[in-house]
C-alpha atoms as a PDB file:
ATOM      1  CA  MET A   1       0.164  -0.067  -0.166  1.00  0.00           C
ATOM      2  CA  ALA A   2       1.095   3.705  -0.475  1.00  0.00           C
ATOM      3  CA  GLY A   3       0.279   6.730   0.249  1.00  0.00           C
ATOM      4  CA  PRO A   4      -1.691   7.553   3.952  1.00  0.00           C
ATOM      5  CA  ALA A   5      -2.637   3.867   4.411  1.00  0.00           C
ATOM      6  CA  ALA A   6       1.098   2.513   3.861  1.00  0.00           C
ATOM      7  CA  LEU A   7       2.720   0.460   6.272  1.00  0.00           C
ATOM      8  CA  PRO A   8       4.813   1.965   9.078  1.00  0.00           C
ATOM      9  CA  ARG A   9       8.533   0.179   8.276  1.00  0.00           C
ATOM     10  CA  SER A  10      11.866   0.816   9.070  1.00  0.00           C
ATOM     11  CA  SER A  11      14.643  -1.162   6.799  1.00  0.00           C
ATOM     12  CA  GLY A  12      11.851  -2.588   4.575  1.00  0.00           C
ATOM     13  CA  GLU A  13      10.760  -4.111   7.665  1.00  0.00           C
ATOM     14  CA  LEU A  14       7.236  -3.648   8.982  1.00  0.00           C
ATOM     15  CA  VAL A  15       6.858  -1.582  12.422  1.00  0.00           C
ATOM     16  CA  PHE A  16       4.765  -2.625  15.261  1.00  0.00           C
ATOM     17  CA  HIS A  17       4.923  -1.084  18.928  1.00  0.00           C
ATOM     18  CA  ASP A  18       3.006  -3.506  20.708  1.00  0.00           C
ATOM     19  CA  THR A  19       1.321  -7.549  19.882  1.00  0.00           C
ATOM     20  CA  TRP A  20      -2.071  -5.587  19.857  1.00  0.00           C
ATOM     21  CA  GLU A  21      -0.978  -4.271  16.365  1.00  0.00           C
ATOM     22  CA  GLN A  22       0.440  -7.556  15.121  1.00  0.00           C
ATOM     23  CA  ARG A  23      -2.660  -9.186  15.671  1.00  0.00           C
ATOM     24  CA  VAL A  24      -4.688  -6.732  14.356  1.00  0.00           C
ATOM     25  CA  PHE A  25      -2.930  -6.998  11.003  1.00  0.00           C
ATOM     26  CA  ALA A  26      -2.595 -10.618  10.655  1.00  0.00           C
ATOM     27  CA  ILE A  27      -6.211 -10.901  11.371  1.00  0.00           C
ATOM     28  CA  ALA A  28      -6.699  -8.292   8.649  1.00  0.00           C
ATOM     29  CA  VAL A  29      -4.859  -9.846   5.929  1.00  0.00           C
ATOM     30  CA  SER A  30      -5.515 -13.452   7.247  1.00  0.00           C
ATOM     31  CA  LEU A  31      -9.352 -12.632   6.702  1.00  0.00           C
ATOM     32  CA  CYS A  32      -9.023 -11.134   3.347  1.00  0.00           C
ATOM     33  CA  GLU A  33      -6.974 -14.316   2.247  1.00  0.00           C
ATOM     34  CA  GLN A  34      -9.877 -16.076   3.510  1.00  0.00           C
ATOM     35  CA  GLY A  35     -11.975 -14.403   1.186  1.00  0.00           C
ATOM     36  CA  HIS A  36     -14.118 -12.906   4.011  1.00  0.00           C
ATOM     37  CA  TYR A  37     -13.958  -9.533   1.890  1.00  0.00           C
ATOM     38  CA  PRO A  38     -12.000  -7.964  -0.870  1.00  0.00           C
ATOM     39  CA  TRP A  39      -8.217  -6.011  -0.341  1.00  0.00           C
ATOM     40  CA  ASP A  40      -9.520  -3.336  -1.976  1.00  0.00           C
ATOM     41  CA  ALA A  41     -12.311  -2.882   0.837  1.00  0.00           C
ATOM     42  CA  PHE A  42      -9.866  -3.011   3.805  1.00  0.00           C
ATOM     43  CA  ARG A  43      -7.739  -0.554   1.983  1.00  0.00           C
ATOM     44  CA  GLU A  44     -10.295   2.064   0.918  1.00  0.00           C
ATOM     45  CA  ARG A  45     -11.985   1.428   4.799  1.00  0.00           C
ATOM     46  CA  LEU A  46      -8.302   2.651   6.242  1.00  0.00           C
ATOM     47  CA  ILE A  47      -8.024   5.757   3.918  1.00  0.00           C
ATOM     48  CA  ALA A  48     -10.923   6.578   5.253  1.00  0.00           C
ATOM     49  CA  GLU A  49     -10.102   6.334   8.758  1.00  0.00           C
ATOM     50  CA  ILE A  50      -7.122   8.301   8.232  1.00  0.00           C
ATOM     51  CA  ASP A  51      -8.469  10.735   6.341  1.00  0.00           C
ATOM     52  CA  ALA A  52     -10.964  11.306   9.101  1.00  0.00           C
ATOM     53  CA  ALA A  53      -8.281  12.343  11.493  1.00  0.00           C
ATOM     54  CA  HIS A  54      -7.246  15.163   9.989  1.00  0.00           C
ATOM     55  CA  GLU A  55      -3.855  14.480  11.273  1.00  0.00           C
ATOM     56  CA  ASP A  56      -0.680  16.620   9.668  1.00  0.00           C
ATOM     57  CA  PRO A  57       1.652  13.594   9.045  1.00  0.00           C
ATOM     58  CA  TRP A  58       4.734  16.472   9.601  1.00  0.00           C
ATOM     59  CA  HIS A  59       3.242  17.570  12.353  1.00  0.00           C
ATOM     60  CA  PRO A  60       1.775  14.399  14.435  1.00  0.00           C
ATOM     61  CA  ASP A  61      -0.020  14.607  17.942  1.00  0.00           C
ATOM     62  CA  PRO A  62       0.562  12.127  20.243  1.00  0.00           C
ATOM     63  CA  GLY A  63      -2.353  11.684  21.635  1.00  0.00           C
ATOM     64  CA  ALA A  64      -4.365  11.436  18.709  1.00  0.00           C
ATOM     65  CA  PRO A  65      -4.415   7.622  17.551  1.00  0.00           C
ATOM     66  CA  GLY A  66      -1.970   5.601  15.730  1.00  0.00           C
ATOM     67  CA  TYR A  67      -1.344   3.820  12.659  1.00  0.00           C
ATOM     68  CA  TYR A  68      -2.919   0.259  13.595  1.00  0.00           C
ATOM     69  CA  GLU A  69      -5.771   2.117  15.746  1.00  0.00           C
ATOM     70  CA  HIS A  70      -7.121   3.425  12.380  1.00  0.00           C
ATOM     71  CA  TRP A  71      -6.144  -0.013  11.082  1.00  0.00           C
ATOM     72  CA  LEU A  72      -8.284  -1.734  14.057  1.00  0.00           C
ATOM     73  CA  ALA A  73     -10.717   0.984  13.385  1.00  0.00           C
ATOM     74  CA  ALA A  74     -10.858  -0.082   9.565  1.00  0.00           C
ATOM     75  CA  LEU A  75     -11.036  -3.899  10.291  1.00  0.00           C
ATOM     76  CA  GLU A  76     -14.189  -3.486  12.855  1.00  0.00           C
ATOM     77  CA  LYS A  77     -15.957  -1.146  10.454  1.00  0.00           C
ATOM     78  CA  VAL A  78     -15.652  -4.025   7.424  1.00  0.00           C
ATOM     79  CA  LEU A  79     -16.418  -6.558   9.806  1.00  0.00           C
ATOM     80  CA  ALA A  80     -19.789  -4.999  10.500  1.00  0.00           C
ATOM     81  CA  GLU A  81     -19.907  -4.716   6.749  1.00  0.00           C
ATOM     82  CA  THR A  82     -19.522  -7.905   5.812  1.00  0.00           C
ATOM     83  CA  GLY A  83     -21.360  -9.219   8.786  1.00  0.00           C
ATOM     84  CA  LEU A  84     -18.765 -11.116  10.030  1.00  0.00           C
ATOM     85  CA  ALA A  85     -19.151  -9.082  13.541  1.00  0.00           C
ATOM     86  CA  PRO A  86     -21.841  -7.041  15.084  1.00  0.00           C
ATOM     87  CA  PRO A  87     -21.166  -3.139  14.230  1.00  0.00           C
ATOM     88  CA  ALA A  88     -19.092  -1.959  17.314  1.00  0.00           C
ATOM     89  CA  ASN A  89     -21.540   0.036  18.637  1.00  0.00           C
ATOM     90  CA  THR A  90     -24.123  -2.784  19.299  1.00  0.00           C
ATOM     91  CA  ARG A  91     -21.759  -5.050  22.057  1.00  0.00           C
END
């Protein structure tokens, strides 16, 4: 992925700051590979989540959601849209 949805990397390797980030990444990729949703649907939702945050990439706010928090929000919405999970606000 490129643009606002580009994965965080350091020296070409994916960067995760916590175990939950690795897990949510793996879940999203695995469900896509299993055919539960097309990757483009997830990517578009991720871009929308990042855009909705109105963050300035050149002056990040340390209190703002991080990349994988956007990833999780996008995954929750795709899962709700596909019927794989209930919408987050109904749990």
